[in-house]
Amino acid sequence: MPSLIDGTVEGAERTRDIVDALKRFSATDRDERRAFDLVDVIERAVQWVCKAADDKFEVKLGLPPSIEVIGSPGQIQQVVMNLVQNAADATENARERRLDISGGVEDAEALIEFRDSGPGIPVANIDKLFDPFFTTKPVGRGTGLGLAISYGIVERHGGTLKASNHPQGGALFSLRLPRAPR
């Protein structure tokens, strides 16, 4: 029994340390609010993730040349990298490993959609996806914090991040952010 308690305490302390490190990382430019090109940030995030991903993972961009938004480019890049990495993971066993990123402007918002070619999200999991520590990844592959942190970042930017299943298959994440004033 004492070794079980020691192991539980050690696991809890490691979890605390991970959460603290992620909070510090995600808060590095928390107060930065400026106009930036969302398309540049998306392209940079895709390049970073694809360098580490399997060569068979393909990302197709269907974006306008530029979309100016307000906020922290570093934090939004973190969100996009998380969404791209999750798509790479979700399509790992799919026949076609693909992520389509499309978007544009609707009124005073930028709308970016991330649709993967994976199996989609089980209906029972959709409402839990943004909960801290919820993960469908095997032990050692994910902490269950990426989407929770991403959701908080987007919310602090005055935007929304939603998950659903595309009617033609695959997961669909919709990111909305306020546009920069003209």
N, C-alpha and C. Protein backbone atom coordinates (compact mmCIF):
# COMPACT_ATOMS: atom_id res chain seq x y z
N MET A 1 0.80 -1.20 0.00
CA MET A 1 0.00 0.00 0.00
C MET A 1 0.85 1.28 0.00
N PRO A 2 1.93 1.36 0.81
CA PRO A 2 2.76 2.57 0.78
C PRO A 2 3.34 2.86 -0.60
N SER A 3 3.76 1.83 -1.34
CA SER A 3 4.33 2.08 -2.67
C SER A 3 3.25 2.59 -3.63
N LEU A 4 2.02 2.14 -3.47
CA LEU A 4 0.91 2.62 -4.30
C LEU A 4 0.65 4.10 -4.03
N ILE A 5 0.66 4.45 -2.75
CA ILE A 5 0.45 5.86 -2.39
C ILE A 5 1.59 6.72 -2.91
N ASP A 6 2.83 6.23 -2.75
CA ASP A 6 3.99 6.99 -3.27
C ASP A 6 3.90 7.19 -4.78
N GLY A 7 3.49 6.15 -5.50
CA GLY A 7 3.34 6.24 -6.95
C GLY A 7 2.26 7.22 -7.35
N THR A 8 1.16 7.24 -6.61
CA THR A 8 0.06 8.16 -6.89
C THR A 8 0.50 9.60 -6.66
N VAL A 9 1.20 9.83 -5.54
CA VAL A 9 1.69 11.18 -5.24
C VAL A 9 2.69 11.64 -6.31
N GLU A 10 3.58 10.75 -6.71
CA GLU A 10 4.56 11.09 -7.74
C GLU A 10 3.86 11.43 -9.05
N GLY A 11 2.86 10.66 -9.44
CA GLY A 11 2.11 10.93 -10.67
C GLY A 11 1.40 12.27 -10.60
N ALA A 12 0.80 12.57 -9.46
CA ALA A 12 0.11 13.85 -9.28
C ALA A 12 1.09 15.02 -9.37
N GLU A 13 2.28 14.85 -8.77
CA GLU A 13 3.28 15.92 -8.84
C GLU A 13 3.78 16.13 -10.26
N ARG A 14 3.96 15.05 -11.01
CA ARG A 14 4.38 15.18 -12.42
C ARG A 14 3.31 15.89 -13.23
N THR A 15 2.05 15.54 -12.98
CA THR A 15 0.95 16.19 -13.68
C THR A 15 0.93 17.68 -13.37
N ARG A 16 1.11 18.03 -12.09
CA ARG A 16 1.15 19.44 -11.69
C ARG A 16 2.27 20.17 -12.42
N ASP A 17 3.44 19.54 -12.50
CA ASP A 17 4.58 20.16 -13.17
C ASP A 17 4.32 20.37 -14.66
N ILE A 18 3.67 19.41 -15.30
CA ILE A 18 3.33 19.53 -16.72
C ILE A 18 2.37 20.70 -16.93
N VAL A 19 1.34 20.76 -16.10
CA VAL A 19 0.34 21.84 -16.22
C VAL A 19 1.00 23.20 -15.99
N ASP A 20 1.85 23.31 -14.96
CA ASP A 20 2.54 24.57 -14.70
C ASP A 20 3.42 24.99 -15.88
N ALA A 21 4.14 24.04 -16.45
CA ALA A 21 5.00 24.35 -17.59
C ALA A 21 4.17 24.80 -18.79
N LEU A 22 3.06 24.12 -19.03
CA LEU A 22 2.21 24.51 -20.17
C LEU A 22 1.57 25.88 -19.95
N LYS A 23 1.20 26.17 -18.73
CA LYS A 23 0.64 27.50 -18.44
C LYS A 23 1.68 28.58 -18.69
N ARG A 24 2.91 28.34 -18.23
CA ARG A 24 3.97 29.33 -18.46
C ARG A 24 4.23 29.50 -19.94
N PHE A 25 4.29 28.37 -20.67
CA PHE A 25 4.55 28.43 -22.10
C PHE A 25 3.46 29.19 -22.83
N SER A 26 2.21 28.90 -22.52
CA SER A 26 1.10 29.53 -23.24
C SER A 26 0.91 30.98 -22.83
N ALA A 27 1.51 31.40 -21.73
CA ALA A 27 1.35 32.77 -21.27
C ALA A 27 2.51 33.67 -21.64
N THR A 28 3.48 33.17 -22.39
CA THR A 28 4.68 33.96 -22.68
C THR A 28 4.37 35.27 -23.37
N ASP A 29 3.40 35.30 -24.25
CA ASP A 29 3.05 36.56 -24.89
C ASP A 29 1.56 36.83 -24.74
N ARG A 30 1.04 36.47 -23.56
CA ARG A 30 -0.39 36.55 -23.28
C ARG A 30 -0.96 37.95 -23.49
N ASP A 31 -0.22 38.98 -23.11
CA ASP A 31 -0.75 40.33 -23.18
C ASP A 31 -0.52 41.00 -24.53
N GLU A 32 0.18 40.33 -25.42
CA GLU A 32 0.44 40.92 -26.72
C GLU A 32 -0.86 40.96 -27.53
N ARG A 33 -1.20 42.12 -28.00
CA ARG A 33 -2.39 42.27 -28.83
C ARG A 33 -2.03 43.23 -29.96
N ARG A 34 -1.93 42.66 -31.15
CA ARG A 34 -1.58 43.49 -32.29
C ARG A 34 -2.20 42.87 -33.54
N ALA A 35 -2.23 43.63 -34.59
CA ALA A 35 -2.72 43.11 -35.86
C ALA A 35 -1.64 42.21 -36.46
N PHE A 36 -2.06 41.08 -37.03
CA PHE A 36 -1.12 40.19 -37.71
C PHE A 36 -1.85 39.41 -38.78
N ASP A 37 -1.07 38.83 -39.69
CA ASP A 37 -1.64 38.08 -40.81
C ASP A 37 -1.83 36.62 -40.38
N LEU A 38 -3.07 36.22 -40.24
CA LEU A 38 -3.40 34.86 -39.82
C LEU A 38 -2.93 33.82 -40.84
N VAL A 39 -2.96 34.15 -42.11
CA VAL A 39 -2.53 33.20 -43.14
C VAL A 39 -1.04 32.88 -42.97
N ASP A 40 -0.22 33.90 -42.70
CA ASP A 40 1.22 33.65 -42.44
C ASP A 40 1.41 32.71 -41.25
N VAL A 41 0.66 32.94 -40.19
CA VAL A 41 0.77 32.12 -38.98
C VAL A 41 0.37 30.67 -39.29
N ILE A 42 -0.70 30.49 -40.05
CA ILE A 42 -1.15 29.14 -40.40
C ILE A 42 -0.09 28.44 -41.25
N GLU A 43 0.44 29.14 -42.25
CA GLU A 43 1.46 28.53 -43.11
C GLU A 43 2.69 28.12 -42.31
N ARG A 44 3.11 28.96 -41.37
CA ARG A 44 4.28 28.66 -40.54
C ARG A 44 3.99 27.45 -39.64
N ALA A 45 2.82 27.40 -39.04
CA ALA A 45 2.45 26.28 -38.17
C ALA A 45 2.41 24.97 -38.96
N VAL A 46 1.86 25.01 -40.16
CA VAL A 46 1.79 23.81 -41.01
C VAL A 46 3.20 23.32 -41.34
N GLN A 47 4.10 24.25 -41.69
CA GLN A 47 5.48 23.86 -41.99
C GLN A 47 6.15 23.18 -40.81
N TRP A 48 5.96 23.72 -39.61
CA TRP A 48 6.59 23.15 -38.41
C TRP A 48 6.10 21.74 -38.16
N VAL A 49 4.79 21.54 -38.22
CA VAL A 49 4.24 20.22 -37.92
C VAL A 49 4.59 19.22 -39.02
N CYS A 50 4.52 19.65 -40.27
CA CYS A 50 4.79 18.74 -41.38
C CYS A 50 6.25 18.31 -41.43
N LYS A 51 7.18 19.13 -40.94
CA LYS A 51 8.58 18.73 -40.88
C LYS A 51 8.76 17.50 -40.01
N ALA A 52 7.97 17.41 -38.95
CA ALA A 52 8.10 16.29 -38.01
C ALA A 52 7.15 15.14 -38.34
N ALA A 53 6.17 15.38 -39.20
CA ALA A 53 5.16 14.36 -39.50
C ALA A 53 5.65 13.40 -40.58
N ASP A 54 4.96 12.31 -40.68
CA ASP A 54 5.19 11.31 -41.73
C ASP A 54 5.01 11.97 -43.10
N ASP A 55 5.82 11.58 -44.06
CA ASP A 55 5.74 12.15 -45.41
C ASP A 55 4.38 11.92 -46.07
N LYS A 56 3.65 10.94 -45.60
CA LYS A 56 2.36 10.63 -46.21
C LYS A 56 1.25 11.56 -45.76
N PHE A 57 1.50 12.39 -44.74
CA PHE A 57 0.51 13.34 -44.25
C PHE A 57 0.55 14.59 -45.14
N GLU A 58 -0.59 14.90 -45.73
CA GLU A 58 -0.66 16.01 -46.69
C GLU A 58 -1.60 17.10 -46.17
N VAL A 59 -1.18 18.34 -46.28
CA VAL A 59 -2.02 19.48 -45.89
C VAL A 59 -2.27 20.33 -47.12
N LYS A 60 -3.55 20.59 -47.38
CA LYS A 60 -3.95 21.46 -48.50
C LYS A 60 -4.54 22.74 -47.94
N LEU A 61 -4.04 23.86 -48.42
CA LEU A 61 -4.51 25.16 -47.97
C LEU A 61 -5.42 25.80 -49.01
N GLY A 62 -6.56 26.26 -48.58
CA GLY A 62 -7.49 27.00 -49.42
C GLY A 62 -7.83 28.30 -48.72
N LEU A 63 -6.84 29.21 -48.69
CA LEU A 63 -6.98 30.45 -47.94
C LEU A 63 -6.74 31.64 -48.87
N PRO A 64 -7.31 32.80 -48.53
CA PRO A 64 -6.99 34.00 -49.29
C PRO A 64 -5.54 34.41 -49.02
N PRO A 65 -5.00 35.35 -49.79
CA PRO A 65 -3.61 35.75 -49.59
C PRO A 65 -3.31 36.28 -48.19
N SER A 66 -4.30 36.92 -47.56
CA SER A 66 -4.07 37.52 -46.25
C SER A 66 -5.39 37.66 -45.50
N ILE A 67 -5.32 37.48 -44.18
CA ILE A 67 -6.45 37.75 -43.29
C ILE A 67 -5.87 38.42 -42.05
N GLU A 68 -6.16 39.67 -41.85
CA GLU A 68 -5.65 40.41 -40.70
C GLU A 68 -6.57 40.21 -39.50
N VAL A 69 -5.97 39.76 -38.39
CA VAL A 69 -6.71 39.59 -37.14
C VAL A 69 -5.95 40.31 -36.03
N ILE A 70 -6.58 40.36 -34.85
CA ILE A 70 -5.98 41.00 -33.68
C ILE A 70 -5.65 39.95 -32.64
N GLY A 71 -4.48 40.07 -32.04
CA GLY A 71 -4.14 39.16 -30.95
C GLY A 71 -2.65 38.87 -30.90
N SER A 72 -2.35 37.69 -30.40
CA SER A 72 -0.97 37.25 -30.24
C SER A 72 -0.66 36.21 -31.31
N PRO A 73 0.21 36.54 -32.27
CA PRO A 73 0.53 35.55 -33.31
C PRO A 73 1.16 34.28 -32.74
N GLY A 74 1.96 34.40 -31.68
CA GLY A 74 2.59 33.22 -31.09
C GLY A 74 1.57 32.28 -30.48
N GLN A 75 0.59 32.82 -29.80
CA GLN A 75 -0.44 31.98 -29.20
C GLN A 75 -1.32 31.34 -30.26
N ILE A 76 -1.68 32.09 -31.28
CA ILE A 76 -2.52 31.52 -32.33
C ILE A 76 -1.74 30.47 -33.11
N GLN A 77 -0.45 30.66 -33.29
CA GLN A 77 0.36 29.62 -33.94
C GLN A 77 0.33 28.35 -33.09
N GLN A 78 0.38 28.47 -31.78
CA GLN A 78 0.29 27.31 -30.90
C GLN A 78 -1.03 26.57 -31.11
N VAL A 79 -2.12 27.31 -31.24
CA VAL A 79 -3.44 26.71 -31.49
C VAL A 79 -3.43 25.95 -32.81
N VAL A 80 -2.96 26.61 -33.86
CA VAL A 80 -2.97 25.99 -35.20
C VAL A 80 -2.06 24.76 -35.22
N MET A 81 -0.89 24.85 -34.61
CA MET A 81 0.01 23.69 -34.58
C MET A 81 -0.67 22.51 -33.88
N ASN A 82 -1.40 22.80 -32.82
CA ASN A 82 -2.10 21.73 -32.10
C ASN A 82 -3.17 21.10 -32.99
N LEU A 83 -3.92 21.91 -33.72
CA LEU A 83 -4.97 21.37 -34.60
C LEU A 83 -4.37 20.55 -35.74
N VAL A 84 -3.27 21.01 -36.30
CA VAL A 84 -2.62 20.28 -37.39
C VAL A 84 -2.02 18.97 -36.87
N GLN A 85 -1.38 19.02 -35.71
CA GLN A 85 -0.80 17.80 -35.14
C GLN A 85 -1.88 16.79 -34.79
N ASN A 86 -2.99 17.26 -34.24
CA ASN A 86 -4.10 16.35 -33.92
C ASN A 86 -4.64 15.69 -35.19
N ALA A 87 -4.70 16.45 -36.28
CA ALA A 87 -5.17 15.87 -37.55
C ALA A 87 -4.18 14.82 -38.05
N ALA A 88 -2.89 15.10 -37.91
CA ALA A 88 -1.88 14.11 -38.32
C ALA A 88 -2.04 12.84 -37.50
N ASP A 89 -2.27 12.98 -36.21
CA ASP A 89 -2.46 11.82 -35.34
C ASP A 89 -3.75 11.08 -35.67
N ALA A 90 -4.82 11.83 -35.92
CA ALA A 90 -6.13 11.22 -36.19
C ALA A 90 -6.16 10.45 -37.50
N THR A 91 -5.32 10.83 -38.45
CA THR A 91 -5.32 10.17 -39.76
C THR A 91 -4.24 9.10 -39.87
N GLU A 92 -3.59 8.81 -38.77
CA GLU A 92 -2.46 7.88 -38.78
C GLU A 92 -2.79 6.53 -39.43
N ASN A 93 -3.97 6.02 -39.21
CA ASN A 93 -4.35 4.72 -39.78
C ASN A 93 -5.31 4.84 -40.96
N ALA A 94 -5.52 6.05 -41.44
CA ALA A 94 -6.44 6.26 -42.56
C ALA A 94 -5.76 5.92 -43.88
N ARG A 95 -6.54 5.51 -44.84
CA ARG A 95 -6.02 5.19 -46.18
C ARG A 95 -5.39 6.44 -46.80
N GLU A 96 -6.08 7.56 -46.66
CA GLU A 96 -5.55 8.84 -47.15
C GLU A 96 -5.34 9.73 -45.94
N ARG A 97 -4.12 10.22 -45.76
CA ARG A 97 -3.78 11.07 -44.61
C ARG A 97 -3.74 12.52 -45.07
N ARG A 98 -4.87 13.22 -44.84
CA ARG A 98 -4.99 14.56 -45.39
C ARG A 98 -5.70 15.51 -44.43
N LEU A 99 -5.29 16.76 -44.47
CA LEU A 99 -5.94 17.84 -43.75
C LEU A 99 -6.18 18.96 -44.74
N ASP A 100 -7.43 19.41 -44.83
CA ASP A 100 -7.79 20.56 -45.66
C ASP A 100 -8.04 21.74 -44.73
N ILE A 101 -7.31 22.82 -44.97
CA ILE A 101 -7.51 24.04 -44.19
C ILE A 101 -8.06 25.09 -45.15
N SER A 102 -9.26 25.55 -44.87
CA SER A 102 -9.89 26.54 -45.73
C SER A 102 -10.41 27.69 -44.87
N GLY A 103 -10.66 28.79 -45.49
CA GLY A 103 -11.19 29.89 -44.70
C GLY A 103 -11.33 31.17 -45.48
N GLY A 104 -11.75 32.16 -44.74
CA GLY A 104 -11.98 33.47 -45.30
C GLY A 104 -12.51 34.39 -44.23
N VAL A 105 -13.26 35.37 -44.67
CA VAL A 105 -13.78 36.39 -43.77
C VAL A 105 -15.29 36.38 -43.83
N GLU A 106 -15.91 36.44 -42.65
CA GLU A 106 -17.36 36.58 -42.53
C GLU A 106 -17.64 37.74 -41.60
N ASP A 107 -18.17 38.82 -42.13
CA ASP A 107 -18.44 40.03 -41.35
C ASP A 107 -17.17 40.50 -40.65
N ALA A 108 -17.19 40.55 -39.33
CA ALA A 108 -16.04 41.07 -38.58
C ALA A 108 -15.15 39.95 -38.05
N GLU A 109 -15.28 38.75 -38.63
CA GLU A 109 -14.51 37.61 -38.14
C GLU A 109 -13.79 36.88 -39.26
N ALA A 110 -12.67 36.28 -38.87
CA ALA A 110 -11.99 35.33 -39.74
C ALA A 110 -12.53 33.96 -39.37
N LEU A 111 -12.84 33.14 -40.36
CA LEU A 111 -13.30 31.77 -40.12
C LEU A 111 -12.34 30.83 -40.84
N ILE A 112 -11.72 29.94 -40.06
CA ILE A 112 -10.80 28.94 -40.60
C ILE A 112 -11.33 27.58 -40.22
N GLU A 113 -11.42 26.67 -41.20
CA GLU A 113 -11.90 25.32 -40.94
C GLU A 113 -10.79 24.31 -41.23
N PHE A 114 -10.66 23.36 -40.33
CA PHE A 114 -9.67 22.30 -40.39
C PHE A 114 -10.44 20.99 -40.52
N ARG A 115 -10.39 20.37 -41.70
CA ARG A 115 -11.11 19.11 -41.92
C ARG A 115 -10.12 18.02 -42.26
N ASP A 116 -10.11 16.96 -41.45
CA ASP A 116 -9.18 15.87 -41.71
C ASP A 116 -9.87 14.69 -42.37
N SER A 117 -9.09 13.74 -42.84
CA SER A 117 -9.61 12.56 -43.52
C SER A 117 -9.65 11.35 -42.58
N GLY A 118 -9.62 11.61 -41.30
CA GLY A 118 -9.65 10.53 -40.31
C GLY A 118 -11.05 9.98 -40.11
N PRO A 119 -11.22 9.18 -39.06
CA PRO A 119 -12.49 8.52 -38.80
C PRO A 119 -13.56 9.43 -38.20
N GLY A 120 -13.21 10.64 -37.84
CA GLY A 120 -14.16 11.54 -37.19
C GLY A 120 -14.08 11.38 -35.69
N ILE A 121 -14.93 12.12 -35.00
CA ILE A 121 -14.94 12.14 -33.54
C ILE A 121 -16.14 11.34 -33.05
N PRO A 122 -15.92 10.35 -32.18
CA PRO A 122 -17.08 9.65 -31.63
C PRO A 122 -18.03 10.65 -30.96
N VAL A 123 -19.32 10.51 -31.21
CA VAL A 123 -20.31 11.46 -30.71
C VAL A 123 -20.19 11.63 -29.19
N ALA A 124 -19.91 10.56 -28.48
CA ALA A 124 -19.79 10.63 -27.02
C ALA A 124 -18.61 11.50 -26.57
N ASN A 125 -17.65 11.75 -27.45
CA ASN A 125 -16.46 12.51 -27.08
C ASN A 125 -16.53 13.99 -27.45
N ILE A 126 -17.44 14.38 -28.32
CA ILE A 126 -17.45 15.76 -28.82
C ILE A 126 -17.55 16.78 -27.69
N ASP A 127 -18.43 16.55 -26.72
CA ASP A 127 -18.59 17.51 -25.63
C ASP A 127 -17.44 17.51 -24.64
N LYS A 128 -16.55 16.52 -24.70
CA LYS A 128 -15.43 16.42 -23.76
C LYS A 128 -14.11 16.87 -24.35
N LEU A 129 -14.06 17.10 -25.66
CA LEU A 129 -12.79 17.36 -26.35
C LEU A 129 -11.97 18.50 -25.75
N PHE A 130 -12.63 19.52 -25.26
CA PHE A 130 -11.91 20.69 -24.76
C PHE A 130 -11.71 20.65 -23.24
N ASP A 131 -12.07 19.53 -22.61
CA ASP A 131 -11.86 19.36 -21.17
C ASP A 131 -10.39 19.05 -20.90
N PRO A 132 -9.81 19.68 -19.87
CA PRO A 132 -8.41 19.36 -19.53
C PRO A 132 -8.26 17.87 -19.20
N PHE A 133 -7.19 17.29 -19.71
CA PHE A 133 -6.78 15.90 -19.49
C PHE A 133 -7.62 14.88 -20.25
N PHE A 134 -8.60 15.32 -21.05
CA PHE A 134 -9.34 14.35 -21.85
C PHE A 134 -8.53 14.06 -23.11
N THR A 135 -8.27 12.81 -23.36
CA THR A 135 -7.54 12.41 -24.56
C THR A 135 -8.02 11.06 -25.05
N THR A 136 -7.93 10.86 -26.33
CA THR A 136 -8.23 9.56 -26.91
C THR A 136 -6.94 8.89 -27.38
N LYS A 137 -5.82 9.58 -27.18
CA LYS A 137 -4.53 9.06 -27.60
C LYS A 137 -4.03 8.02 -26.60
N PRO A 138 -3.22 7.08 -27.07
CA PRO A 138 -2.66 6.09 -26.15
C PRO A 138 -1.75 6.74 -25.11
N VAL A 139 -1.55 6.06 -24.00
CA VAL A 139 -0.67 6.55 -22.94
C VAL A 139 0.70 6.86 -23.53
N GLY A 140 1.22 8.02 -23.15
CA GLY A 140 2.53 8.44 -23.64
C GLY A 140 2.48 9.25 -24.92
N ARG A 141 1.31 9.35 -25.55
CA ARG A 141 1.21 10.10 -26.82
C ARG A 141 0.56 11.46 -26.66
N GLY A 142 -0.14 11.68 -25.56
CA GLY A 142 -0.81 12.96 -25.38
C GLY A 142 -1.17 13.18 -23.93
N THR A 143 -1.24 14.46 -23.55
CA THR A 143 -1.57 14.79 -22.16
C THR A 143 -3.03 15.14 -21.98
N GLY A 144 -3.73 15.39 -23.08
CA GLY A 144 -5.12 15.83 -22.96
C GLY A 144 -5.21 17.31 -22.63
N LEU A 145 -4.14 18.06 -22.89
CA LEU A 145 -4.15 19.49 -22.58
C LEU A 145 -4.14 20.38 -23.82
N GLY A 146 -3.75 19.84 -24.96
CA GLY A 146 -3.60 20.67 -26.16
C GLY A 146 -4.87 21.39 -26.56
N LEU A 147 -5.99 20.68 -26.65
CA LEU A 147 -7.23 21.33 -27.05
C LEU A 147 -7.79 22.21 -25.95
N ALA A 148 -7.59 21.83 -24.69
CA ALA A 148 -8.06 22.66 -23.57
C ALA A 148 -7.32 24.00 -23.58
N ILE A 149 -6.01 23.96 -23.75
CA ILE A 149 -5.23 25.19 -23.80
C ILE A 149 -5.60 26.01 -25.04
N SER A 150 -5.75 25.34 -26.18
CA SER A 150 -6.12 26.03 -27.42
C SER A 150 -7.46 26.73 -27.27
N TYR A 151 -8.41 26.06 -26.66
CA TYR A 151 -9.75 26.64 -26.45
C TYR A 151 -9.63 27.91 -25.61
N GLY A 152 -8.84 27.85 -24.53
CA GLY A 152 -8.66 29.02 -23.68
C GLY A 152 -7.99 30.17 -24.40
N ILE A 153 -6.99 29.87 -25.21
CA ILE A 153 -6.31 30.92 -25.98
C ILE A 153 -7.29 31.60 -26.93
N VAL A 154 -8.05 30.81 -27.66
CA VAL A 154 -9.00 31.37 -28.63
C VAL A 154 -10.06 32.20 -27.90
N GLU A 155 -10.53 31.70 -26.79
CA GLU A 155 -11.54 32.43 -26.01
C GLU A 155 -10.98 33.78 -25.53
N ARG A 156 -9.73 33.79 -25.05
CA ARG A 156 -9.10 35.05 -24.61
C ARG A 156 -8.93 36.03 -25.77
N HIS A 157 -8.88 35.52 -26.98
CA HIS A 157 -8.77 36.37 -28.16
C HIS A 157 -10.14 36.87 -28.64
N GLY A 158 -11.19 36.49 -27.94
CA GLY A 158 -12.54 36.91 -28.34
C GLY A 158 -13.10 36.06 -29.46
N GLY A 159 -12.53 34.88 -29.67
CA GLY A 159 -12.99 34.00 -30.74
C GLY A 159 -13.64 32.75 -30.21
N THR A 160 -13.88 31.81 -31.12
CA THR A 160 -14.47 30.52 -30.75
C THR A 160 -13.72 29.40 -31.46
N LEU A 161 -13.70 28.24 -30.82
CA LEU A 161 -13.14 27.03 -31.39
C LEU A 161 -14.16 25.93 -31.17
N LYS A 162 -14.65 25.34 -32.25
CA LYS A 162 -15.69 24.31 -32.15
C LYS A 162 -15.26 23.06 -32.91
N ALA A 163 -15.75 21.93 -32.42
CA ALA A 163 -15.44 20.64 -33.05
C ALA A 163 -16.74 19.96 -33.45
N SER A 164 -16.69 19.29 -34.60
CA SER A 164 -17.84 18.53 -35.09
C SER A 164 -17.32 17.48 -36.07
N ASN A 165 -18.24 16.72 -36.60
CA ASN A 165 -17.91 15.78 -37.66
C ASN A 165 -18.45 16.34 -38.97
N HIS A 166 -17.64 16.27 -40.00
CA HIS A 166 -18.07 16.74 -41.32
C HIS A 166 -19.07 15.73 -41.87
N PRO A 167 -20.14 16.19 -42.53
CA PRO A 167 -21.13 15.25 -43.08
C PRO A 167 -20.55 14.21 -44.03
N GLN A 168 -19.44 14.55 -44.71
CA GLN A 168 -18.83 13.61 -45.64
C GLN A 168 -17.67 12.84 -45.01
N GLY A 169 -17.53 12.94 -43.69
CA GLY A 169 -16.50 12.18 -43.00
C GLY A 169 -15.37 13.04 -42.49
N GLY A 170 -14.71 12.56 -41.45
CA GLY A 170 -13.59 13.27 -40.85
C GLY A 170 -14.04 14.28 -39.81
N ALA A 171 -13.08 14.71 -39.01
CA ALA A 171 -13.34 15.73 -37.99
C ALA A 171 -13.26 17.11 -38.63
N LEU A 172 -14.02 18.04 -38.07
CA LEU A 172 -14.03 19.42 -38.54
C LEU A 172 -13.89 20.34 -37.34
N PHE A 173 -12.82 21.13 -37.32
CA PHE A 173 -12.63 22.14 -36.29
C PHE A 173 -12.81 23.50 -36.94
N SER A 174 -13.62 24.35 -36.31
CA SER A 174 -13.90 25.68 -36.82
C SER A 174 -13.33 26.72 -35.85
N LEU A 175 -12.44 27.55 -36.38
CA LEU A 175 -11.79 28.59 -35.59
C LEU A 175 -12.28 29.94 -36.09
N ARG A 176 -12.81 30.74 -35.17
CA ARG A 176 -13.25 32.11 -35.49
C ARG A 176 -12.46 33.08 -34.63
N LEU A 177 -11.94 34.13 -35.27
CA LEU A 177 -11.18 35.16 -34.57
C LEU A 177 -11.62 36.53 -35.06
N PRO A 178 -11.60 37.54 -34.18
CA PRO A 178 -11.96 38.89 -34.61
C PRO A 178 -10.96 39.44 -35.63
N ARG A 179 -11.48 40.09 -36.64
CA ARG A 179 -10.60 40.73 -37.63
C ARG A 179 -10.02 42.02 -37.09
N ALA A 180 -8.90 42.41 -37.64
CA ALA A 180 -8.29 43.68 -37.27
C ALA A 180 -9.11 44.80 -37.88
N PRO A 181 -9.27 45.91 -37.17
CA PRO A 181 -9.99 47.06 -37.76
C PRO A 181 -9.21 47.59 -38.95
N ARG A 182 -9.93 48.08 -39.90
CA ARG A 182 -9.29 48.61 -41.12
C ARG A 182 -8.89 50.04 -41.00
